[in-house]
Amino acid sequence: MSRPLSDQEKRKQISVRGLAGVENVADIKTNFNRHLHFTLVKDRNVATKRDYYFALANTVRDHLVGRWIRTQQHYYEKDPKRVYYLSLEFYMGRTLQNTMVNLALENSCDEAMYQLGLEMEELQDMEEDAGLGNGGLGRLAACFLDSMATLGLAAYGYGIRYEYGIFNQKIANGWQIEEADDWLRYGNPWEKARPEYMRPVHFYGRVDHSADGVKWVDTQVVLALPYDTPVPGYRNNIVNTMRLWSAKAPCDFNLKDFNVGGYIQSVLDRNLAENISRVLYPNDNFFEGKELRLKQEYFVVAATLQDIIRRFKSSKFGSTEVVRTDFSTLPDKVAIQLNDTHPAMAIPELMRILVDDEKVSWDKAWAICMRTCAYTNHTVLPEALERWPVDLLAHLLPRHLEIIYEINRRHLERIASLYPGDNDRLCRMSLIEEGGHKRVNMAHLCIVGSHAINGVARIHSDILKATVFKDFYEVDPEKFQNKTNGITPRRWLVMCNPGLAEVIAERIGEDYIRDLDQLKNLLNLVDDDAFIRDVAKIKQENKLKFAVYLEEQYKVKINPESMFDLQVKRIHEYKRQLLNCLHIITFYNRIKKEPNKDWTPRTIMIGGKAAPGYHMAKMIIKLITSIGKIVNNDPVVGDRLKVIFLENYRVTLAEKAIPAADLSQQISTAGTEASGTGNMKFMLNGALTIGTMDGANVEMAEEAGEENLFIFGMRVEDVEAMDRKGYNATEYCSRIPELKQAIDQIGGGYFSPQQPDLFKDIVHMLMNNDRFKVFADYEDYMKCQDKVNALYKNTKEWTKKVIHNIAGCGKFSSDRTIAQYGREIWGVEPNLSKLNAPDDPL
């Protein structure tokens, strides 16, 4: 029998990683040693693993810089329309391997490190995740940056360089503990500070109205210092920029009136200004109306708009004077996309710049503003919608509040002329919500101030038009669009699952990586025994690798033959991790009842962070870990059921877990998950989905064939009907004995024997005020899980469904999403031609 290939030998055979030419490998070794030499300081002769990581990162970065400079020079000469993607979150993860993939350097670097006696994966593990996001919205922004570069768009991501990203989650005694994410502790080799582009941002103050116009005066100034990170496209030599702003106090901050005693304090108070970019707010789908958060939102918007206007005004290539002073062409040269309402202040800020600073008339300025801005809505949950108190705006941004009032006055005038006497409609559509405390509805501001509004999956966009924004849709139907989310196949297939990427490339070529629709060619292979075997074999290898990782991390022995059943996402009631818990408990009870039956073994993994202030989400984590403690130590169950809570779920853990999954749980109440993107990652990596008809699941079922997913539960219409009729949890409990047993066990202390009433809050919520109707879908969910078990026993039939799913993934590439944004919202065409490499002649 031949010796099994080592990981390194296996990787060398994978062509999608790029060819390792002898010269290339030699160059990389030379540059690596040069960087290592300059990394080591005089008093330290022994290199650490971190030194090796930095040397490799800097070696790879060298390959980016020439392309980066050339790309930006190319934009300067061609002066294309530029796209500005404004987001408070960019959930980037690690950069090293993704850069190697996109530059086709992976095999060369791998071979160079191997020849130097270093293990590539160990070096990659030294890199910190850039966790500047909470979940879907922030990770979507990161995928979009990858696609915009790959499609050759002149695009920029603008956000905040948080000193502390999403907290690190520790599980102690079954509870979530938060730890600060000091991701910049050892430095970040991928960013470049650009102090020459520092910009002032103003807060507080008052507004002067005079014959000369309007002035915002007596403000407090904070400086915005930009840090640029390169964003390489896939093998097209294009490198775009993500620019993140960091807050700096000006030198004279608080020193104007210092005396001898006040000097020290005034220097210490510089922290107050610099706190703006200190930490990411850790809420997902929840609005927390804090002054610091509003400061963050305005900070990124004000700094970015100054940058946009500087770039718009600056002279075209070869000309010495400022070319553009006429702002009427701004919408032909600039597109601003607002990622949710978080950057909504861009609308009044752009109006302030045009009207107050540039002396453009209101009507002209408003036309420019509307044609430039577009808004993406990410949620219909009422608790997530941003509604800022008028008092807070008056204090922090007095001029912007005046502008918002004027926008609203003109908006309501228009509505009143269209619907005379309809006062209810005026109240519903106003940007200002009256009542105890006046608030500004930021979604309404975005809709009124944008030329395009989009949801992120077809069902979500339909819900927006039919319910949440119905009044606005009736007035301006042409504004409303759908742009179903997507994921980048570079990170989420080629990088995280090279084995699968390669068996696909062997059959249909490598072009699918930039044109994911080509995956439909796999339908010809759905009955090909060799391909079926290859796909199943890759999945088994990924599971073995992940099982080793889990056993190291959790000291739980895992049966790699068991079904790997995953639900990984933020912990939230609407995502219904509790429904998953009820299935686990019921499955456990069934095994206990008939221990000799031939059960399909499962390893059920649930992972995700709970917002630190979200009590119910934290209780759900404690319930999951408590169920795991009982189930995993029950000798009757053995290795037929294991329950693992995946600690500190983040981009890097997703890259390990998703390729190993057999079953993906996407079980939100119909009408609550706007799209989901984890669902697409699992689908692309050869897992089957059990899910409701919610978010993008609907379109996944359409693309792969509904018979190739495990769809269960109420549809949106059923949920609406139940809302009208009333949802009665008790009725389900009394009718379904297995459900009653599970609830009695949770409430009676079976899973918390030391503290029998530990989970009373959960049971009380489920029985009395469950907005997400967990029990209503329980029965259908359990029946659907039985189908999953039956099919899993037949590897060949299971794998055929897997192939159908992978073949249906084309639509869910973020390349398709971005091409649609480009053509239908931004007015730019994707450009698939390659730029010359820096070593090519110009």
Foldseek 3Di string as FASTA:
>chain_A
DDDDDDPLRVVQPQCLLAHADPVLLVVLLVQLVVQLVVLDDPVDDDDDLQSSLLSNQVSLVVQQPLLAVVQVVVCLQVLAFEEEEEDQAAQAFDDRLLSSSQQSNRNSSCVSCVVVVHHVVSSSVVAGGQQADQFDLNPLLNQLLQLCQLLSHQYEYFHANAQWHAFFWDADLLFTDTDTHRNCVVHDSQKDKDQVLKDKDWWFADWDQDPVGIDGDPTAIKIWIWIWGWHHYRNQSHTHIYIHTFTFHPPCQVVPDDDPVCPVVRVVCRVVRRCLRHYRQNDDLADDQDLSLLVRLRVRLLSVVVVLVCSVQCDRPPDDHRDDLDLLCVLSRAAYEYSALSNLLNLLSQQCCCCVVSVDDNVSSLVSQASRYEYEHFFDPPRRFDWHFLVSCCRIPVSSSVSLVVLQVVVLVVVCVVPPPPVVLNQLLGQWNDDPTIIGGSVSSNLSRYQAYEFAFPVLLVCCCVPVVVSSCVVPVVRYDYQHAFGQCSLLDCSLQSQVLRLQCVPQNNPCNSQVLSLLVLLVCLVPVVSLVSLLVSLLVLLVVVQVVCCVVPVARADSLAAEAEEETAQDLQQPVVLVVLLQQLVLVVCVVPVPDPFRAYEYEYEHHYRPVDVVSSLSSSSQVLSQVVSSPDVSCPNRYHGYYDGRDGPVVLSSPLLNHAEYEREGQAPTRSADHSVLSNLQNQHAYEYECHHCVVVLCVLLPVVLHLYFDDHPVRLVVCVVVDAALVVLLVVDVSSVVSLCCQCQCVSNVVDRRSCVVVSCCSHPPSSGRSSRGNVRSNVSVVVVRVVSVPSSSSSSSSSSSNSSSSSRHVSNSSQCCCVPRSVHHRDNHRDDRSPDDD
